[in-house]
Amino acid sequence: MRSDWILDVLTDLKTFARTNDMPALAEQLDDTAIVAMAEIAAIKETKDGQHHDGEAAVGTYFGGFGTS
């Protein structure tokens, strides 16, 4: 499923906010767009990683029990 459409919606909302003198909302929507881009990229990387080797391409291993 294509997720990039949400970025277009956020851009439209940001334009509306700026046009209607809502600078705090416009700034918050900028931050929200950054979060959306990061999550979309993570989803794509995870899907690509699972497609190639069955493991997630993103994430951090902090250790634990057992051998590696």
N, C-alpha and C. Protein backbone atom coordinates (compact mmCIF):
# COMPACT_ATOMS: atom_id res chain seq x y z
N MET A 1 0.84 -1.19 0.00
CA MET A 1 0.00 0.00 0.00
C MET A 1 0.88 1.25 0.00
N ARG A 2 0.57 2.17 -0.83
CA ARG A 2 1.32 3.42 -0.94
C ARG A 2 0.97 4.33 0.24
N SER A 3 1.99 4.76 0.97
CA SER A 3 1.79 5.57 2.17
C SER A 3 2.10 7.05 1.95
N ASP A 4 2.67 7.38 0.82
CA ASP A 4 3.12 8.76 0.59
C ASP A 4 1.98 9.77 0.52
N TRP A 5 0.77 9.33 0.32
CA TRP A 5 -0.37 10.26 0.22
C TRP A 5 -0.52 11.09 1.48
N ILE A 6 -0.13 10.55 2.61
CA ILE A 6 -0.28 11.27 3.87
C ILE A 6 0.59 12.54 3.87
N LEU A 7 1.71 12.50 3.18
CA LEU A 7 2.58 13.69 3.09
C LEU A 7 1.88 14.80 2.32
N ASP A 8 1.13 14.45 1.29
CA ASP A 8 0.36 15.44 0.53
C ASP A 8 -0.71 16.08 1.41
N VAL A 9 -1.37 15.27 2.21
CA VAL A 9 -2.40 15.78 3.11
C VAL A 9 -1.78 16.74 4.13
N LEU A 10 -0.65 16.35 4.71
CA LEU A 10 0.02 17.21 5.69
C LEU A 10 0.47 18.53 5.05
N THR A 11 0.93 18.47 3.82
CA THR A 11 1.32 19.70 3.11
C THR A 11 0.12 20.61 2.90
N ASP A 12 -1.00 20.04 2.50
CA ASP A 12 -2.22 20.85 2.33
C ASP A 12 -2.66 21.49 3.64
N LEU A 13 -2.60 20.72 4.73
CA LEU A 13 -2.97 21.27 6.03
C LEU A 13 -2.02 22.38 6.46
N LYS A 14 -0.73 22.19 6.20
CA LYS A 14 0.26 23.21 6.54
C LYS A 14 0.02 24.49 5.74
N THR A 15 -0.30 24.35 4.47
CA THR A 15 -0.61 25.52 3.64
C THR A 15 -1.83 26.26 4.18
N PHE A 16 -2.84 25.51 4.54
CA PHE A 16 -4.04 26.11 5.13
C PHE A 16 -3.69 26.85 6.41
N ALA A 17 -2.90 26.23 7.27
CA ALA A 17 -2.53 26.85 8.55
C ALA A 17 -1.77 28.15 8.33
N ARG A 18 -0.83 28.15 7.41
CA ARG A 18 -0.06 29.37 7.15
C ARG A 18 -0.94 30.47 6.55
N THR A 19 -1.82 30.09 5.65
CA THR A 19 -2.71 31.06 5.01
C THR A 19 -3.67 31.68 6.01
N ASN A 20 -4.01 30.94 7.05
CA ASN A 20 -5.00 31.39 8.02
C ASN A 20 -4.36 31.80 9.37
N ASP A 21 -3.12 32.27 9.30
CA ASP A 21 -2.42 32.81 10.47
C ASP A 21 -2.39 31.85 11.66
N MET A 22 -1.99 30.62 11.38
CA MET A 22 -1.82 29.61 12.43
C MET A 22 -0.39 29.08 12.39
N PRO A 23 0.57 29.93 12.76
CA PRO A 23 1.98 29.53 12.62
C PRO A 23 2.38 28.36 13.51
N ALA A 24 1.82 28.28 14.71
CA ALA A 24 2.18 27.16 15.59
C ALA A 24 1.71 25.83 15.00
N LEU A 25 0.51 25.84 14.44
CA LEU A 25 -0.01 24.63 13.80
C LEU A 25 0.83 24.26 12.59
N ALA A 26 1.20 25.25 11.78
CA ALA A 26 2.04 24.99 10.61
C ALA A 26 3.37 24.36 11.01
N GLU A 27 3.96 24.88 12.08
CA GLU A 27 5.24 24.32 12.56
C GLU A 27 5.05 22.89 13.06
N GLN A 28 3.97 22.65 13.76
CA GLN A 28 3.69 21.30 14.26
C GLN A 28 3.49 20.33 13.09
N LEU A 29 2.84 20.80 12.05
CA LEU A 29 2.64 19.95 10.87
C LEU A 29 3.96 19.65 10.17
N ASP A 30 4.91 20.58 10.21
CA ASP A 30 6.26 20.29 9.69
C ASP A 30 6.87 19.13 10.46
N ASP A 31 6.78 19.20 11.78
CA ASP A 31 7.31 18.12 12.62
C ASP A 31 6.60 16.80 12.33
N THR A 32 5.30 16.87 12.17
CA THR A 32 4.51 15.67 11.89
C THR A 32 4.91 15.05 10.56
N ALA A 33 5.20 15.89 9.57
CA ALA A 33 5.64 15.38 8.27
C ALA A 33 6.98 14.65 8.40
N ILE A 34 7.86 15.16 9.23
CA ILE A 34 9.16 14.50 9.44
C ILE A 34 8.95 13.13 10.06
N VAL A 35 8.07 13.05 11.05
CA VAL A 35 7.76 11.76 11.67
C VAL A 35 7.17 10.80 10.64
N ALA A 36 6.25 11.31 9.83
CA ALA A 36 5.61 10.46 8.81
C ALA A 36 6.65 9.94 7.81
N MET A 37 7.57 10.80 7.37
CA MET A 37 8.61 10.36 6.43
C MET A 37 9.49 9.29 7.05
N ALA A 38 9.84 9.46 8.31
CA ALA A 38 10.69 8.48 8.99
C ALA A 38 9.97 7.13 9.11
N GLU A 39 8.70 7.17 9.45
CA GLU A 39 7.97 5.92 9.60
C GLU A 39 7.73 5.23 8.24
N ILE A 40 7.46 6.02 7.22
CA ILE A 40 7.30 5.44 5.88
C ILE A 40 8.59 4.78 5.43
N ALA A 41 9.72 5.46 5.68
CA ALA A 41 11.02 4.89 5.30
C ALA A 41 11.30 3.61 6.09
N ALA A 42 10.96 3.60 7.36
CA ALA A 42 11.18 2.40 8.18
C ALA A 42 10.34 1.24 7.69
N ILE A 43 9.11 1.52 7.31
CA ILE A 43 8.24 0.46 6.79
C ILE A 43 8.83 -0.10 5.50
N LYS A 44 9.28 0.77 4.62
CA LYS A 44 9.86 0.32 3.35
C LYS A 44 11.13 -0.49 3.59
N GLU A 45 11.98 -0.03 4.52
CA GLU A 45 13.21 -0.76 4.81
C GLU A 45 12.89 -2.12 5.41
N THR A 46 11.92 -2.18 6.29
CA THR A 46 11.54 -3.45 6.90
C THR A 46 11.02 -4.41 5.85
N LYS A 47 10.16 -3.92 4.96
CA LYS A 47 9.64 -4.78 3.90
C LYS A 47 10.75 -5.24 2.97
N ASP A 48 11.68 -4.35 2.62
CA ASP A 48 12.79 -4.73 1.77
C ASP A 48 13.68 -5.75 2.45
N GLY A 49 13.94 -5.56 3.74
CA GLY A 49 14.76 -6.49 4.49
C GLY A 49 14.12 -7.85 4.60
N GLN A 50 12.82 -7.89 4.84
CA GLN A 50 12.12 -9.17 4.94
C GLN A 50 12.06 -9.85 3.58
N HIS A 51 11.97 -9.06 2.55
CA HIS A 51 11.92 -9.63 1.20
C HIS A 51 13.23 -10.31 0.85
N HIS A 52 14.35 -9.74 1.29
CA HIS A 52 15.66 -10.26 0.91
C HIS A 52 16.17 -11.36 1.84
N ASP A 53 16.04 -11.17 3.15
CA ASP A 53 16.64 -12.15 4.05
C ASP A 53 15.76 -12.58 5.21
N GLY A 54 14.51 -12.14 5.24
CA GLY A 54 13.62 -12.58 6.29
C GLY A 54 13.75 -11.85 7.61
N GLU A 55 14.67 -10.88 7.70
CA GLU A 55 14.85 -10.12 8.93
C GLU A 55 14.56 -8.66 8.67
N ALA A 56 14.16 -7.95 9.71
CA ALA A 56 13.90 -6.52 9.60
C ALA A 56 15.19 -5.79 9.29
N ALA A 57 15.10 -4.77 8.45
CA ALA A 57 16.27 -4.00 8.07
C ALA A 57 16.56 -2.87 9.06
N VAL A 58 15.61 -2.58 9.93
CA VAL A 58 15.79 -1.52 10.92
C VAL A 58 15.59 -2.09 12.30
N GLY A 59 16.17 -1.42 13.27
CA GLY A 59 16.02 -1.85 14.65
C GLY A 59 17.37 -1.89 15.32
N THR A 60 17.32 -2.05 16.61
CA THR A 60 18.55 -2.09 17.39
C THR A 60 18.51 -3.28 18.31
N TYR A 61 19.60 -4.00 18.38
CA TYR A 61 19.71 -5.12 19.28
C TYR A 61 20.49 -4.66 20.50
N PHE A 62 19.89 -4.80 21.67
CA PHE A 62 20.52 -4.34 22.90
C PHE A 62 21.12 -5.48 23.71
N GLY A 63 21.18 -6.64 23.14
CA GLY A 63 21.77 -7.77 23.85
C GLY A 63 20.70 -8.62 24.49
N GLY A 64 21.13 -9.60 25.22
CA GLY A 64 20.17 -10.48 25.86
C GLY A 64 20.82 -11.82 26.13
N PHE A 65 20.01 -12.80 26.43
CA PHE A 65 20.51 -14.11 26.75
C PHE A 65 20.68 -14.95 25.50
N GLY A 66 21.54 -15.91 25.59
CA GLY A 66 21.75 -16.81 24.48
C GLY A 66 23.01 -16.48 23.72
N THR A 67 23.26 -17.24 22.68
CA THR A 67 24.45 -17.03 21.87
C THR A 67 24.03 -16.40 20.55
N SER A 68 25.00 -15.72 19.96
CA SER A 68 24.71 -15.15 18.65
C SER A 68 25.73 -15.58 17.65
